C-alpha cells in the first residue's frame, strides 16, 4: 500500500470516529467514567470495578501509531517503537530531583480547567490520562490540556479492568481511545495507564502493539476517595523522592480537594528543589 493510500484509509476511518464522537457529544450526556463509587486498586491487587453498561457492543477500532503525541518534547524525533514490557514504569529512570505529576479519568468540565489553572500558575507540566468517551464528549478540554504543554495519555475508553477482558476487547478499549485522541489533536498518545493500574502480559503486549508505553505510579494520593486536603498533601510531601510519579484524578466526581491540595503543595515542592517533568519515551 502506498503512503497516500495508507493515509487516505486512515483518514476515512477517523472521519467515522469523529462522526461517532460528535453524536455522543450532541446527545447532551455527561460521560464521566470511574465514579466515586468505584474502588480503584493498586497494580495487580486491584479490586473488581463495576461492570460496564449491559448490552454495549464491543466497538471495532483500527490503530496506526505513526506520530509522536502533541505537546511531547520528543516531537520531531524518530518514531519510537515500544517493546513489550513486563510491568508499567513506576519511577522515572535516572531522575535527579525530577518528579512527574499525573491525573486520571478526565477530562471533566469542572475539575480539569481548575487543575489546569493551578498548574499554569506554578508553570508546572503534567500528564493527563484521559478516558476515551470523556475525551470524545469534551474535545475542547483535550485541546486545552495539550495547549498548555501537558502530555495526553490513554486510560481506556470506558475504564474497565483490562485483565478481565478478552484480547479483542482490550484492543478496542485502548485502540478506540488512541483514535479519538489522534482525531482531536492530530497525533496519537505514546503513554498508556491501565484502569486500576492492572496490567497483565496480554494487555501489555497490546499496549506495545499500539506503540504506547505503560506508565504506573509510585505515590498514590487516594484522592479519588476524597480523604481530605491534608491527607492528599501528606501523601505527596511525606513520600516524595527523586523520580516519584504522583497519581491524582481530575475526573470521576468532585475533585475540589485535589485542586486545593495541588495548589498548596506545588510551591512547597518547587521551593524544595523538585522539578516537574513529562515522561519521555
C-alpha atoms as a PDB file:
ATOM      1  CA  UNK A   1       0.000   0.000   0.000  1.00  0.00           C
ATOM      2  CA  UNK A   2       1.370   3.407  -0.892  1.00  0.00           C
ATOM      3  CA  UNK A   3       1.820   6.149   1.681  1.00  0.00           C
ATOM      4  CA  UNK A   4      -1.007   8.194   0.095  1.00  0.00           C
ATOM      5  CA  UNK A   5      -3.481   5.336   0.103  1.00  0.00           C
ATOM      6  CA  UNK A   6      -2.462   4.396   3.655  1.00  0.00           C
ATOM      7  CA  UNK A   7      -3.115   7.941   4.821  1.00  0.00           C
ATOM      8  CA  UNK A   8      -6.401   8.075   2.956  1.00  0.00           C
ATOM      9  CA  UNK A   9      -7.611   4.855   4.522  1.00  0.00           C
ATOM     10  CA  UNK A  10      -6.724   6.079   7.972  1.00  0.00           C
ATOM     11  CA  UNK A  11      -8.442   9.431   7.425  1.00  0.00           C
ATOM     12  CA  UNK A  12     -11.607   7.712   6.208  1.00  0.00           C
ATOM     13  CA  UNK A  13     -11.629   5.624   9.386  1.00  0.00           C
ATOM     14  CA  UNK A  14     -11.020   8.662  11.577  1.00  0.00           C
ATOM     15  CA  UNK A  15     -13.806  10.568   9.841  1.00  0.00           C
ATOM     16  CA  UNK A  16     -16.168   7.816  11.004  1.00  0.00           C
ATOM     17  CA  UNK A  17     -14.743   8.054  14.522  1.00  0.00           C
ATOM     18  CA  UNK A  18     -15.311  11.813  14.536  1.00  0.00           C
ATOM     19  CA  UNK A  19     -18.927  11.320  13.450  1.00  0.00           C
ATOM     20  CA  UNK A  20     -19.447   8.897  16.330  1.00  0.00           C
ATOM     21  CA  UNK A  21     -17.791  11.270  18.787  1.00  0.00           C
ATOM     22  CA  UNK A  22     -19.967  14.142  17.587  1.00  0.00           C
ATOM     23  CA  UNK A  23     -23.056  12.016  18.115  1.00  0.00           C
ATOM     24  CA  UNK A  24     -22.004  11.318  21.689  1.00  0.00           C
ATOM     25  CA  UNK A  25     -21.263  14.956  22.420  1.00  0.00           C
ATOM     26  CA  UNK A  26     -24.503  16.058  20.787  1.00  0.00           C
ATOM     27  CA  UNK A  27     -26.568  13.758  22.976  1.00  0.00           C
ATOM     28  CA  UNK A  28     -26.003  16.051  25.952  1.00  0.00           C
ATOM     29  CA  UNK A  29     -24.806  13.144  28.106  1.00  0.00           C
ATOM     30  CA  UNK A  30     -22.118  13.870  30.662  1.00  0.00           C
ATOM     31  CA  UNK A  31     -19.814  10.873  30.318  1.00  0.00           C
ATOM     32  CA  UNK A  32     -17.712  10.564  33.434  1.00  0.00           C
ATOM     33  CA  UNK A  33     -16.418   7.070  33.979  1.00  0.00           C
ATOM     34  CA  UNK A  34     -14.746   5.895  37.196  1.00  0.00           C
ATOM     35  CA  UNK A  35     -17.310   7.353  39.574  1.00  0.00           C
ATOM     36  CA  UNK A  36     -16.908   7.966  43.296  1.00  0.00           C
ATOM     37  CA  UNK A  37     -18.425   4.523  43.877  1.00  0.00           C
ATOM     38  CA  UNK A  38     -15.525   2.813  42.132  1.00  0.00           C
ATOM     39  CA  UNK A  39     -12.753   1.416  44.255  1.00  0.00           C
ATOM     40  CA  UNK A  40      -9.512   1.613  42.304  1.00  0.00           C
ATOM     41  CA  UNK A  41      -6.778  -0.773  43.238  1.00  0.00           C
ATOM     42  CA  UNK A  42      -3.045  -0.503  43.131  1.00  0.00           C
ATOM     43  CA  UNK A  43      -1.454  -2.687  40.494  1.00  0.00           C
ATOM     44  CA  UNK A  44      -2.159  -6.404  40.303  1.00  0.00           C
ATOM     45  CA  UNK A  45      -4.176  -6.413  43.534  1.00  0.00           C
ATOM     46  CA  UNK A  46      -6.850  -4.142  42.056  1.00  0.00           C
ATOM     47  CA  UNK A  47     -10.404  -4.753  43.157  1.00  0.00           C
ATOM     48  CA  UNK A  48     -13.041  -5.559  40.577  1.00  0.00           C
ATOM     49  CA  UNK A  49     -14.690  -2.440  39.127  1.00  0.00           C
ATOM     50  CA  UNK A  50     -18.385  -2.071  38.438  1.00  0.00           C
ATOM     51  CA  UNK A  51     -19.447  -3.805  35.241  1.00  0.00           C
ATOM     52  CA  UNK A  52     -19.938  -1.782  32.088  1.00  0.00           C
ATOM     53  CA  UNK A  53     -23.362  -0.949  30.667  1.00  0.00           C
ATOM     54  CA  UNK A  54     -25.227  -4.133  29.681  1.00  0.00           C
ATOM     55  CA  UNK A  55     -25.660  -4.808  26.022  1.00  0.00           C
ATOM     56  CA  UNK A  56     -22.948  -2.373  24.876  1.00  0.00           C
ATOM     57  CA  UNK A  57     -21.487  -3.827  21.665  1.00  0.00           C
ATOM     58  CA  UNK A  58     -17.722  -4.046  21.591  1.00  0.00           C
ATOM     59  CA  UNK A  59     -16.566  -1.290  19.198  1.00  0.00           C
ATOM     60  CA  UNK A  60     -14.171  -2.091  16.407  1.00  0.00           C
ATOM     61  CA  UNK A  61     -11.084   0.047  16.049  1.00  0.00           C
ATOM     62  CA  UNK A  62      -8.050   0.149  13.814  1.00  0.00           C
ATOM     63  CA  UNK A  63      -4.960   1.851  15.139  1.00  0.00           C
ATOM     64  CA  UNK A  64      -1.909   3.022  13.210  1.00  0.00           C
ATOM     65  CA  UNK A  65       0.501   4.799  15.553  1.00  0.00           C
ATOM     66  CA  UNK A  66       2.773   6.864  13.327  1.00  0.00           C
ATOM     67  CA  UNK A  67       3.331  10.230  15.022  1.00  0.00           C
ATOM     68  CA  UNK A  68       4.502  11.497  18.408  1.00  0.00           C
ATOM     69  CA  UNK A  69       1.899  12.962  20.746  1.00  0.00           C
ATOM     70  CA  UNK A  70       1.198  16.691  20.537  1.00  0.00           C
ATOM     71  CA  UNK A  71       2.895  18.573  23.347  1.00  0.00           C
ATOM     72  CA  UNK A  72       5.549  15.924  23.977  1.00  0.00           C
ATOM     73  CA  UNK A  73       9.096  17.221  23.893  1.00  0.00           C
ATOM     74  CA  UNK A  74      10.047  14.250  21.708  1.00  0.00           C
ATOM     75  CA  UNK A  75       8.162  15.866  18.791  1.00  0.00           C
ATOM     76  CA  UNK A  76      10.265  15.713  15.670  1.00  0.00           C
ATOM     77  CA  UNK A  77      12.453  12.845  16.862  1.00  0.00           C
ATOM     78  CA  UNK A  78      12.491   9.488  15.037  1.00  0.00           C
ATOM     79  CA  UNK A  79       9.396   7.300  15.658  1.00  0.00           C
ATOM     80  CA  UNK A  80       9.517   5.263  18.857  1.00  0.00           C
ATOM     81  CA  UNK A  81       8.657   1.559  18.664  1.00  0.00           C
ATOM     82  CA  UNK A  82       7.972   0.231  22.179  1.00  0.00           C
ATOM     83  CA  UNK A  83       8.979  -3.246  23.222  1.00  0.00           C
ATOM     84  CA  UNK A  84       6.630  -5.402  25.258  1.00  0.00           C
ATOM     85  CA  UNK A  85       7.137  -4.559  28.927  1.00  0.00           C
ATOM     86  CA  UNK A  86       6.801  -6.927  31.861  1.00  0.00           C
ATOM     87  CA  UNK A  87       5.313  -4.167  34.007  1.00  0.00           C
ATOM     88  CA  UNK A  88       4.484  -0.476  33.899  1.00  0.00           C
ATOM     89  CA  UNK A  89       7.162   2.082  34.714  1.00  0.00           C
ATOM     90  CA  UNK A  90       6.615   3.197  38.322  1.00  0.00           C
ATOM     91  CA  UNK A  91       9.516   5.604  38.775  1.00  0.00           C
ATOM     92  CA  UNK A  92      11.339   7.959  36.444  1.00  0.00           C
ATOM     93  CA  UNK A  93      14.661   6.434  35.413  1.00  0.00           C
ATOM     94  CA  UNK A  94      17.809   8.396  36.167  1.00  0.00           C
ATOM     95  CA  UNK A  95      15.880  11.245  37.765  1.00  0.00           C
ATOM     96  CA  UNK A  96      17.712  13.934  39.743  1.00  0.00           C
ATOM     97  CA  UNK A  97      15.088  15.754  41.764  1.00  0.00           C
ATOM     98  CA  UNK A  98      12.751  15.263  38.792  1.00  0.00           C
ATOM     99  CA  UNK A  99       9.214  14.091  39.547  1.00  0.00           C
ATOM    100  CA  UNK A 100       6.081  13.556  37.466  1.00  0.00           C
ATOM    101  CA  UNK A 101       2.537  14.641  38.238  1.00  0.00           C
ATOM    102  CA  UNK A 102      -0.248  12.628  36.607  1.00  0.00           C
ATOM    103  CA  UNK A 103      -4.038  12.934  36.526  1.00  0.00           C
ATOM    104  CA  UNK A 104      -6.512  10.193  35.567  1.00  0.00           C
ATOM    105  CA  UNK A 105     -10.150   9.858  34.480  1.00  0.00           C
ATOM    106  CA  UNK A 106     -10.746  13.216  32.795  1.00  0.00           C
ATOM    107  CA  UNK A 107     -11.358  15.391  31.056  1.00  0.00           C
ATOM    108  CA  UNK A 108     -14.047  16.837  33.324  1.00  0.00           C
ATOM    109  CA  UNK A 109     -15.790  20.136  32.521  1.00  0.00           C
ATOM    110  CA  UNK A 110     -15.442  21.493  36.068  1.00  0.00           C
ATOM    111  CA  UNK A 111     -12.333  19.838  37.504  1.00  0.00           C
ATOM    112  CA  UNK A 112      -9.964  19.884  34.542  1.00  0.00           C
ATOM    113  CA  UNK A 113      -9.978  23.665  33.974  1.00  0.00           C
ATOM    114  CA  UNK A 114      -9.322  24.220  37.692  1.00  0.00           C
ATOM    115  CA  UNK A 115      -6.419  21.773  37.690  1.00  0.00           C
ATOM    116  CA  UNK A 116      -5.007  23.423  34.564  1.00  0.00           C
ATOM    117  CA  UNK A 117      -5.258  26.836  36.233  1.00  0.00           C
ATOM    118  CA  UNK A 118      -3.295  25.621  39.272  1.00  0.00           C
ATOM    119  CA  UNK A 119      -0.589  24.080  37.082  1.00  0.00           C
ATOM    120  CA  UNK A 120      -0.396  27.187  34.935  1.00  0.00           C
ATOM    121  CA  UNK A 121       0.033  29.401  37.988  1.00  0.00           C
ATOM    122  CA  UNK A 122       3.148  27.494  39.045  1.00  0.00           C
ATOM    123  CA  UNK A 123       4.379  26.744  35.493  1.00  0.00           C
ATOM    124  CA  UNK A 124       4.202  23.005  36.101  1.00  0.00           C
ATOM    125  CA  UNK A 125       3.560  20.424  33.387  1.00  0.00           C
ATOM    126  CA  UNK A 126       1.831  17.100  33.944  1.00  0.00           C
ATOM    127  CA  UNK A 127       0.461  14.042  32.167  1.00  0.00           C
ATOM    128  CA  UNK A 128      -3.296  13.557  31.793  1.00  0.00           C
ATOM    129  CA  UNK A 129      -4.540  10.013  31.210  1.00  0.00           C
ATOM    130  CA  UNK A 130      -7.929  10.570  29.626  1.00  0.00           C
ATOM    131  CA  UNK A 131     -10.891   8.235  29.295  1.00  0.00           C
ATOM    132  CA  UNK A 132     -11.841   7.946  25.634  1.00  0.00           C
ATOM    133  CA  UNK A 133     -15.554   8.616  25.955  1.00  0.00           C
ATOM    134  CA  UNK A 134     -14.853  11.695  28.091  1.00  0.00           C
ATOM    135  CA  UNK A 135     -12.374  12.946  25.504  1.00  0.00           C
ATOM    136  CA  UNK A 136     -14.953  12.396  22.756  1.00  0.00           C
ATOM    137  CA  UNK A 137     -17.557  14.327  24.769  1.00  0.00           C
ATOM    138  CA  UNK A 138     -15.228  17.221  25.667  1.00  0.00           C
ATOM    139  CA  UNK A 139     -12.680  17.600  22.866  1.00  0.00           C
ATOM    140  CA  UNK A 140     -12.176  21.284  23.694  1.00  0.00           C
ATOM    141  CA  UNK A 141     -10.749  20.245  27.077  1.00  0.00           C
ATOM    142  CA  UNK A 142      -8.329  17.847  25.388  1.00  0.00           C
ATOM    143  CA  UNK A 143      -7.184  20.789  23.265  1.00  0.00           C
ATOM    144  CA  UNK A 144      -6.833  22.942  26.397  1.00  0.00           C
ATOM    145  CA  UNK A 145      -4.662  20.331  28.122  1.00  0.00           C
ATOM    146  CA  UNK A 146      -2.374  19.990  25.098  1.00  0.00           C
ATOM    147  CA  UNK A 147      -2.268  23.763  24.551  1.00  0.00           C
ATOM    148  CA  UNK A 148      -0.702  24.180  27.988  1.00  0.00           C
ATOM    149  CA  UNK A 149       2.058  21.742  27.036  1.00  0.00           C
ATOM    150  CA  UNK A 150       0.844  18.753  29.033  1.00  0.00           C
ATOM    151  CA  UNK A 151       1.067  15.195  27.741  1.00  0.00           C
ATOM    152  CA  UNK A 152      -2.150  13.339  26.889  1.00  0.00           C
ATOM    153  CA  UNK A 153      -2.176   9.624  27.722  1.00  0.00           C
ATOM    154  CA  UNK A 154      -4.577   6.737  27.082  1.00  0.00           C
ATOM    155  CA  UNK A 155      -6.691   5.469  30.022  1.00  0.00           C
ATOM    156  CA  UNK A 156      -9.036   3.191  28.020  1.00  0.00           C
ATOM    157  CA  UNK A 157     -12.413   4.108  26.566  1.00  0.00           C
ATOM    158  CA  UNK A 158     -14.816   3.120  29.382  1.00  0.00           C
ATOM    159  CA  UNK A 159     -12.457   2.375  32.325  1.00  0.00           C
ATOM    160  CA  UNK A 160     -12.838  -1.414  32.571  1.00  0.00           C
ATOM    161  CA  UNK A 161     -10.382  -3.753  34.276  1.00  0.00           C
ATOM    162  CA  UNK A 162      -8.307  -4.843  31.277  1.00  0.00           C
ATOM    163  CA  UNK A 163      -7.245  -8.130  32.836  1.00  0.00           C
ATOM    164  CA  UNK A 164     -10.896  -9.265  32.839  1.00  0.00           C
ATOM    165  CA  UNK A 165     -11.364  -8.624  29.111  1.00  0.00           C
ATOM    166  CA  UNK A 166     -10.622 -10.629  26.006  1.00  0.00           C
ATOM    167  CA  UNK A 167      -7.723  -9.523  23.835  1.00  0.00           C
ATOM    168  CA  UNK A 168     -10.164  -8.104  21.276  1.00  0.00           C
ATOM    169  CA  UNK A 169     -11.921  -6.026  23.919  1.00  0.00           C
ATOM    170  CA  UNK A 170      -8.602  -4.690  25.227  1.00  0.00           C
ATOM    171  CA  UNK A 171      -7.661  -3.674  21.674  1.00  0.00           C
ATOM    172  CA  UNK A 172     -10.989  -1.893  21.317  1.00  0.00           C
ATOM    173  CA  UNK A 173     -10.663  -0.058  24.646  1.00  0.00           C
ATOM    174  CA  UNK A 174      -7.127   1.148  24.004  1.00  0.00           C
ATOM    175  CA  UNK A 175      -7.261   1.468  20.222  1.00  0.00           C
ATOM    176  CA  UNK A 176     -10.508   3.423  20.169  1.00  0.00           C
ATOM    177  CA  UNK A 177      -9.184   5.873  22.762  1.00  0.00           C
ATOM    178  CA  UNK A 178      -5.972   6.415  20.822  1.00  0.00           C
ATOM    179  CA  UNK A 179      -8.022   7.075  17.685  1.00  0.00           C
ATOM    180  CA  UNK A 180     -10.153   9.677  19.479  1.00  0.00           C
ATOM    181  CA  UNK A 181      -7.051  11.456  20.795  1.00  0.00           C
ATOM    182  CA  UNK A 182      -5.443  11.278  17.359  1.00  0.00           C
ATOM    183  CA  UNK A 183      -8.523  12.765  15.722  1.00  0.00           C
ATOM    184  CA  UNK A 184      -8.704  15.629  18.231  1.00  0.00           C
ATOM    185  CA  UNK A 185      -5.016  16.533  18.400  1.00  0.00           C
ATOM    186  CA  UNK A 186      -3.634  15.177  15.142  1.00  0.00           C
ATOM    187  CA  UNK A 187      -1.279  12.780  16.916  1.00  0.00           C
ATOM    188  CA  UNK A 188      -1.819   9.612  18.973  1.00  0.00           C
ATOM    189  CA  UNK A 189      -0.721   9.051  22.568  1.00  0.00           C
ATOM    190  CA  UNK A 190       2.606   7.463  23.394  1.00  0.00           C
ATOM    191  CA  UNK A 191       1.717   6.638  27.008  1.00  0.00           C
ATOM    192  CA  UNK A 192      -0.964   4.437  28.491  1.00  0.00           C
ATOM    193  CA  UNK A 193      -2.196   3.699  32.009  1.00  0.00           C
ATOM    194  CA  UNK A 194      -4.436   0.725  32.677  1.00  0.00           C
ATOM    195  CA  UNK A 195      -7.529   1.414  34.768  1.00  0.00           C
ATOM    196  CA  UNK A 196      -6.740   0.497  38.379  1.00  0.00           C
ATOM    197  CA  UNK A 197      -3.117   0.083  37.290  1.00  0.00           C
ATOM    198  CA  UNK A 198      -3.968  -3.530  36.471  1.00  0.00           C
ATOM    199  CA  UNK A 199      -1.882  -4.943  33.616  1.00  0.00           C
ATOM    200  CA  UNK A 200      -1.163  -8.485  32.533  1.00  0.00           C
ATOM    201  CA  UNK A 201       1.040  -9.992  29.835  1.00  0.00           C
ATOM    202  CA  UNK A 202      -1.683  -9.864  27.180  1.00  0.00           C
ATOM    203  CA  UNK A 203      -2.673  -6.236  27.789  1.00  0.00           C
ATOM    204  CA  UNK A 204       0.960  -5.101  27.936  1.00  0.00           C
ATOM    205  CA  UNK A 205       1.524  -6.775  24.570  1.00  0.00           C
ATOM    206  CA  UNK A 206      -1.430  -4.925  23.059  1.00  0.00           C
ATOM    207  CA  UNK A 207      -0.159  -1.677  24.569  1.00  0.00           C
ATOM    208  CA  UNK A 208       3.140  -2.172  22.747  1.00  0.00           C
ATOM    209  CA  UNK A 209       1.384  -3.138  19.505  1.00  0.00           C
ATOM    210  CA  UNK A 210      -0.408   0.216  19.650  1.00  0.00           C
ATOM    211  CA  UNK A 211       3.018   1.862  20.074  1.00  0.00           C
ATOM    212  CA  UNK A 212       2.451   3.050  23.638  1.00  0.00           C
ATOM    213  CA  UNK A 213       4.478   2.725  26.814  1.00  0.00           C
ATOM    214  CA  UNK A 214       2.760   1.748  30.090  1.00  0.00           C
ATOM    215  CA  UNK A 215       3.136   4.194  32.979  1.00  0.00           C
ATOM    216  CA  UNK A 216       2.269   3.426  36.587  1.00  0.00           C
ATOM    217  CA  UNK A 217       2.893   5.440  39.733  1.00  0.00           C
ATOM    218  CA  UNK A 218       4.905   5.369  42.945  1.00  0.00           C
ATOM    219  CA  UNK A 219       2.735   7.712  45.060  1.00  0.00           C
ATOM    220  CA  UNK A 220      -0.995   7.069  45.279  1.00  0.00           C
ATOM    221  CA  UNK A 221      -2.736  10.024  46.930  1.00  0.00           C
ATOM    222  CA  UNK A 222      -6.072   8.139  47.163  1.00  0.00           C
ATOM    223  CA  UNK A 223      -7.694  11.418  46.233  1.00  0.00           C
ATOM    224  CA  UNK A 224     -10.481   9.518  44.443  1.00  0.00           C
ATOM    225  CA  UNK A 225     -11.860   8.686  47.922  1.00  0.00           C
ATOM    226  CA  UNK A 226     -11.853  12.372  48.978  1.00  0.00           C
ATOM    227  CA  UNK A 227      -9.878  11.728  52.196  1.00  0.00           C
ATOM    228  CA  UNK A 228      -9.363  15.445  52.865  1.00  0.00           C
ATOM    229  CA  UNK A 229      -6.958  18.050  51.540  1.00  0.00           C
ATOM    230  CA  UNK A 230      -4.407  17.451  54.296  1.00  0.00           C
ATOM    231  CA  UNK A 231      -4.360  13.707  53.650  1.00  0.00           C
ATOM    232  CA  UNK A 232      -3.741  14.235  49.932  1.00  0.00           C
ATOM    233  CA  UNK A 233      -0.955  16.733  50.612  1.00  0.00           C
ATOM    234  CA  UNK A 234       0.692  14.464  53.195  1.00  0.00           C
ATOM    235  CA  UNK A 235       0.651  11.513  50.800  1.00  0.00           C
ATOM    236  CA  UNK A 236       2.766  13.587  48.428  1.00  0.00           C
ATOM    237  CA  UNK A 237       5.071  15.541  50.731  1.00  0.00           C
ATOM    238  CA  UNK A 238       5.894  12.623  53.060  1.00  0.00           C
ATOM    239  CA  UNK A 239       6.620  10.137  50.279  1.00  0.00           C
ATOM    240  CA  UNK A 240       8.190  12.296  47.599  1.00  0.00           C
ATOM    241  CA  UNK A 241      11.552  11.120  46.295  1.00  0.00           C
ATOM    242  CA  UNK A 242      13.562  11.873  43.150  1.00  0.00           C
ATOM    243  CA  UNK A 243      11.853  10.001  40.337  1.00  0.00           C
ATOM    244  CA  UNK A 244       8.442   9.818  42.010  1.00  0.00           C
ATOM    245  CA  UNK A 245       5.335   9.556  39.840  1.00  0.00           C
ATOM    246  CA  UNK A 246       2.294  11.023  41.607  1.00  0.00           C
ATOM    247  CA  UNK A 247      -1.207   9.700  40.926  1.00  0.00           C
ATOM    248  CA  UNK A 248      -4.212  12.020  41.229  1.00  0.00           C
ATOM    249  CA  UNK A 249      -7.532  12.439  39.423  1.00  0.00           C
ATOM    250  CA  UNK A 250      -9.255  15.262  37.563  1.00  0.00           C
ATOM    251  CA  UNK A 251     -12.315  13.156  36.673  1.00  0.00           C
ATOM    252  CA  UNK A 252     -14.776  10.773  38.257  1.00  0.00           C
ATOM    253  CA  UNK A 253     -16.559  13.119  40.654  1.00  0.00           C
ATOM    254  CA  UNK A 254     -15.930  16.106  42.896  1.00  0.00           C
ATOM    255  CA  UNK A 255     -12.190  16.798  42.825  1.00  0.00           C
ATOM    256  CA  UNK A 256     -12.181  20.086  44.742  1.00  0.00           C
ATOM    257  CA  UNK A 257      -9.939  18.506  47.403  1.00  0.00           C
ATOM    258  CA  UNK A 258      -7.447  17.535  44.719  1.00  0.00           C
ATOM    259  CA  UNK A 259      -7.381  21.050  43.282  1.00  0.00           C
ATOM    260  CA  UNK A 260      -6.800  22.596  46.710  1.00  0.00           C
ATOM    261  CA  UNK A 261      -4.085  20.079  47.586  1.00  0.00           C
ATOM    262  CA  UNK A 262      -2.233  20.637  44.301  1.00  0.00           C
ATOM    263  CA  UNK A 263      -2.407  24.394  44.784  1.00  0.00           C
ATOM    264  CA  UNK A 264      -0.906  24.026  48.270  1.00  0.00           C
ATOM    265  CA  UNK A 265       1.865  21.515  47.725  1.00  0.00           C
ATOM    266  CA  UNK A 266       3.221  22.625  44.335  1.00  0.00           C
ATOM    267  CA  UNK A 267       5.030  25.731  45.650  1.00  0.00           C
ATOM    268  CA  UNK A 268       6.416  23.717  48.577  1.00  0.00           C
ATOM    269  CA  UNK A 269       7.929  21.079  46.312  1.00  0.00           C
ATOM    270  CA  UNK A 270       9.287  23.711  43.947  1.00  0.00           C
ATOM    271  CA  UNK A 271      10.907  25.505  46.894  1.00  0.00           C
ATOM    272  CA  UNK A 272      12.488  22.178  47.893  1.00  0.00           C
ATOM    273  CA  UNK A 273      14.180  21.991  44.501  1.00  0.00           C
ATOM    274  CA  UNK A 274      11.956  19.455  42.780  1.00  0.00           C
ATOM    275  CA  UNK A 275      11.183  19.939  39.116  1.00  0.00           C
ATOM    276  CA  UNK A 276       8.127  18.519  37.390  1.00  0.00           C
ATOM    277  CA  UNK A 277       8.779  16.721  34.120  1.00  0.00           C
ATOM    278  CA  UNK A 278       6.812  14.933  31.432  1.00  0.00           C
ATOM    279  CA  UNK A 279       7.636  11.276  30.755  1.00  0.00           C
ATOM    280  CA  UNK A 280       9.898  10.679  27.783  1.00  0.00           C
ATOM    281  CA  UNK A 281       9.924   7.642  25.533  1.00  0.00           C
END
